[in-house]
C-alpha atoms as a PDB file:
ATOM      1  CA  MET A   1    -123.843  27.582 178.370  1.00  0.00           C
ATOM      2  CA  LEU A   2    -121.086  25.335 177.069  1.00  0.00           C
ATOM      3  CA  THR A   3    -121.955  26.291 173.483  1.00  0.00           C
ATOM      4  CA  LEU A   4    -121.661  29.997 174.333  1.00  0.00           C
ATOM      5  CA  ALA A   5    -118.349  29.396 176.087  1.00  0.00           C
ATOM      6  CA  LYS A   6    -116.972  27.567 173.052  1.00  0.00           C
ATOM      7  CA  LEU A   7    -118.152  30.337 170.744  1.00  0.00           C
ATOM      8  CA  TYR A   8    -116.620  33.208 172.736  1.00  0.00           C
ATOM      9  CA  GLU A   9    -113.479  31.460 173.932  1.00  0.00           C
ATOM     10  CA  LYS A  10    -112.236  30.562 170.461  1.00  0.00           C
ATOM     11  CA  PRO A  11    -109.004  32.305 169.481  1.00  0.00           C
ATOM     12  CA  SER A  12    -110.577  33.751 166.328  1.00  0.00           C
ATOM     13  CA  ALA A  13    -109.434  37.106 164.983  1.00  0.00           C
ATOM     14  CA  SER A  14    -112.871  38.660 165.521  1.00  0.00           C
ATOM     15  CA  ASN A  15    -112.924  37.471 169.124  1.00  0.00           C
ATOM     16  CA  LYS A  16    -109.465  38.936 169.719  1.00  0.00           C
ATOM     17  CA  VAL A  17    -110.572  42.265 168.222  1.00  0.00           C
ATOM     18  CA  PHE A  18    -113.718  42.254 170.368  1.00  0.00           C
ATOM     19  CA  LEU A  19    -111.749  41.660 173.571  1.00  0.00           C
ATOM     20  CA  MET A  20    -109.021  44.172 172.652  1.00  0.00           C
ATOM     21  CA  LYS A  21    -111.612  46.874 171.937  1.00  0.00           C
ATOM     22  CA  HIS A  22    -113.157  46.327 175.349  1.00  0.00           C
ATOM     23  CA  LEU A  23    -109.796  46.408 177.070  1.00  0.00           C
ATOM     24  CA  LEU A  24    -108.595  49.527 175.265  1.00  0.00           C
ATOM     25  CA  ASN A  25    -111.882  51.360 175.823  1.00  0.00           C
ATOM     26  CA  MET A  26    -112.064  50.563 179.542  1.00  0.00           C
ATOM     27  CA  LYS A  27    -112.087  53.623 181.755  1.00  0.00           C
ATOM     28  CA  ILE A  28    -112.544  53.739 185.476  1.00  0.00           C
ATOM     29  CA  SER A  29    -115.547  55.894 186.251  1.00  0.00           C
ATOM     30  CA  GLU A  30    -115.142  59.180 188.139  1.00  0.00           C
ATOM     31  CA  GLY A  31    -115.032  58.255 191.805  1.00  0.00           C
ATOM     32  CA  GLY A  32    -115.269  54.594 190.863  1.00  0.00           C
ATOM     33  CA  SER A  33    -113.683  51.751 192.746  1.00  0.00           C
ATOM     34  CA  VAL A  34    -110.113  50.994 191.700  1.00  0.00           C
ATOM     35  CA  ALA A  35    -110.552  47.449 193.028  1.00  0.00           C
ATOM     36  CA  ASP A  36    -113.639  46.839 190.860  1.00  0.00           C
ATOM     37  CA  HIS A  37    -111.906  48.343 187.856  1.00  0.00           C
ATOM     38  CA  LEU A  38    -108.842  46.173 188.481  1.00  0.00           C
ATOM     39  CA  ASN A  39    -111.066  43.100 188.604  1.00  0.00           C
ATOM     40  CA  ASP A  40    -112.642  43.966 185.232  1.00  0.00           C
ATOM     41  CA  PHE A  41    -109.210  44.742 183.773  1.00  0.00           C
ATOM     42  CA  ASN A  42    -107.870  41.372 184.919  1.00  0.00           C
ATOM     43  CA  ILE A  43    -110.875  39.551 183.483  1.00  0.00           C
ATOM     44  CA  PHE A  44    -110.245  41.022 180.027  1.00  0.00           C
ATOM     45  CA  THR A  45    -106.485  40.434 180.111  1.00  0.00           C
ATOM     46  CA  SER A  46    -107.127  36.840 181.218  1.00  0.00           C
ATOM     47  CA  GLN A  47    -109.628  36.299 178.413  1.00  0.00           C
ATOM     48  CA  LEU A  48    -107.139  37.729 175.932  1.00  0.00           C
ATOM     49  CA  SER A  49    -104.429  35.468 177.287  1.00  0.00           C
ATOM     50  CA  PHE A  50    -106.759  32.487 176.881  1.00  0.00           C
ATOM     51  CA  VAL A  51    -107.153  33.283 173.167  1.00  0.00           C
ATOM     52  CA  GLY A  52    -103.418  33.785 172.695  1.00  0.00           C
ATOM     53  CA  VAL A  53    -102.958  37.545 173.194  1.00  0.00           C
ATOM     54  CA  THR A  54    -100.528  38.239 176.007  1.00  0.00           C
ATOM     55  CA  PHE A  55     -98.931  41.391 177.340  1.00  0.00           C
ATOM     56  CA  ASP A  56     -95.667  41.738 179.177  1.00  0.00           C
ATOM     57  CA  ASP A  57     -95.742  43.171 182.667  1.00  0.00           C
ATOM     58  CA  GLU A  58     -94.881  46.739 181.667  1.00  0.00           C
ATOM     59  CA  VAL A  59     -97.537  46.861 178.922  1.00  0.00           C
ATOM     60  CA  ARG A  60    -100.170  45.659 181.409  1.00  0.00           C
ATOM     61  CA  ALA A  61     -99.066  48.416 183.799  1.00  0.00           C
ATOM     62  CA  LEU A  62     -99.257  51.034 181.047  1.00  0.00           C
ATOM     63  CA  LEU A  63    -102.672  49.846 179.871  1.00  0.00           C
ATOM     64  CA  PHE A  64    -103.959  49.967 183.443  1.00  0.00           C
ATOM     65  CA  LEU A  65    -102.695  53.522 183.942  1.00  0.00           C
ATOM     66  CA  CYS A  66    -104.197  54.573 180.604  1.00  0.00           C
ATOM     67  CA  SER A  67    -107.596  53.367 181.795  1.00  0.00           C
ATOM     68  CA  PHE A  68    -107.797  56.126 184.397  1.00  0.00           C
ATOM     69  CA  PRO A  69    -109.904  59.183 183.478  1.00  0.00           C
ATOM     70  CA  GLU A  70    -108.347  62.495 182.429  1.00  0.00           C
ATOM     71  CA  SER A  71    -109.163  63.946 185.840  1.00  0.00           C
ATOM     72  CA  SER A  72    -106.707  61.443 187.350  1.00  0.00           C
ATOM     73  CA  ASN A  73    -103.717  62.617 185.313  1.00  0.00           C
ATOM     74  CA  GLY A  74    -102.012  63.872 188.468  1.00  0.00           C
ATOM     75  CA  LEU A  75    -102.464  60.496 190.126  1.00  0.00           C
ATOM     76  CA  VAL A  76    -101.195  58.696 187.028  1.00  0.00           C
ATOM     77  CA  MET A  77     -98.115  60.918 186.886  1.00  0.00           C
ATOM     78  CA  ALA A  78     -97.434  60.395 190.589  1.00  0.00           C
ATOM     79  CA  ILE A  79     -97.688  56.629 190.195  1.00  0.00           C
ATOM     80  CA  SER A  80     -95.558  56.679 187.046  1.00  0.00           C
ATOM     81  CA  ASN A  81     -92.870  58.699 188.824  1.00  0.00           C
ATOM     82  CA  SER A  82     -92.883  56.465 191.883  1.00  0.00           C
ATOM     83  CA  VAL A  83     -90.958  53.710 190.085  1.00  0.00           C
ATOM     84  CA  TYR A  84     -88.127  52.978 192.426  1.00  0.00           C
ATOM     85  CA  GLY A  85     -84.736  52.970 190.698  1.00  0.00           C
ATOM     86  CA  SER A  86     -86.046  51.772 187.360  1.00  0.00           C
ATOM     87  CA  SER A  87     -87.543  53.161 184.190  1.00  0.00           C
ATOM     88  CA  THR A  88     -89.709  50.054 183.780  1.00  0.00           C
ATOM     89  CA  LEU A  89     -93.158  49.969 185.333  1.00  0.00           C
ATOM     90  CA  LYS A  90     -94.241  46.764 187.030  1.00  0.00           C
ATOM     91  CA  PHE A  91     -97.931  45.879 187.028  1.00  0.00           C
ATOM     92  CA  ASP A  92     -98.033  44.832 190.692  1.00  0.00           C
ATOM     93  CA  ASP A  93     -96.276  48.040 191.764  1.00  0.00           C
ATOM     94  CA  VAL A  94     -98.698  50.186 189.755  1.00  0.00           C
ATOM     95  CA  VAL A  95    -101.703  48.357 191.200  1.00  0.00           C
ATOM     96  CA  SER A  96    -100.391  48.590 194.780  1.00  0.00           C
ATOM     97  CA  GLU A  97     -99.638  52.273 194.413  1.00  0.00           C
ATOM     98  CA  SER A  98    -103.047  52.955 192.803  1.00  0.00           C
ATOM     99  CA  LEU A  99    -104.932  51.200 195.569  1.00  0.00           C
ATOM    100  CA  ALA A 100    -102.844  52.833 198.313  1.00  0.00           C
ATOM    101  CA  ARG A 101    -103.223  56.350 196.906  1.00  0.00           C
ATOM    102  CA  LYS A 102    -106.964  55.908 196.380  1.00  0.00           C
ATOM    103  CA  CYS A 103    -107.363  54.697 199.993  1.00  0.00           C
ATOM    104  CA  ASN A 104    -105.257  57.583 201.299  1.00  0.00           C
ATOM    105  CA  ARG A 105    -107.346  60.082 199.337  1.00  0.00           C
ATOM    106  CA  LYS A 106    -110.605  58.641 200.742  1.00  0.00           C
ATOM    107  CA  ALA A 107    -109.221  58.760 204.292  1.00  0.00           C
ATOM    108  CA  LEU A 108    -108.148  62.380 203.814  1.00  0.00           C
ATOM    109  CA  VAL A 109    -111.587  63.371 202.510  1.00  0.00           C
ATOM    110  CA  ARG A 110    -113.261  61.561 205.404  1.00  0.00           C
ATOM    111  CA  HIS A 111    -110.992  63.346 207.876  1.00  0.00           C
ATOM    112  CA  GLN A 112    -111.727  66.754 206.335  1.00  0.00           C
ATOM    113  CA  VAL A 113    -115.471  66.106 206.515  1.00  0.00           C
ATOM    114  CA  MET A 114    -115.168  65.298 210.220  1.00  0.00           C
ATOM    115  CA  LEU A 115    -113.403  68.612 210.899  1.00  0.00           C
END
C-alpha cells in the first residue's frame, strides 16, 4: 500500500494531468447527492494540492459550479447571482447555497407528493 501511495502521490507531470482530468471531467449525476459530489470534489482538489497544484477560492467555486449537469443551469445561475455585494464567488458560499437549495428542492417535492 505504501508503494502505491508513493507512486500516485508524486508531484509528477503525468500525475498532475491525471488528477486534473478527473477533476475537470467530474459531473454530479442527475438527482445525485450534492454532499457526495462535494466530498469527491474535495478529495481531488486535496490530492492536487498535495502534488503542488492549488486553486484560489474563486476558481474552486467556479470549478464546483461547472461540475453541475446542464439540467442544473438554472440552479447554477441562481447561485452565481446570489453573491452578496461582490463579483467574486467564494467557495464556501457556493457550497452552502448549493446544499441549501438542493435541500429546499427535496422538501418542496416531498411536500407536493404529500398533497
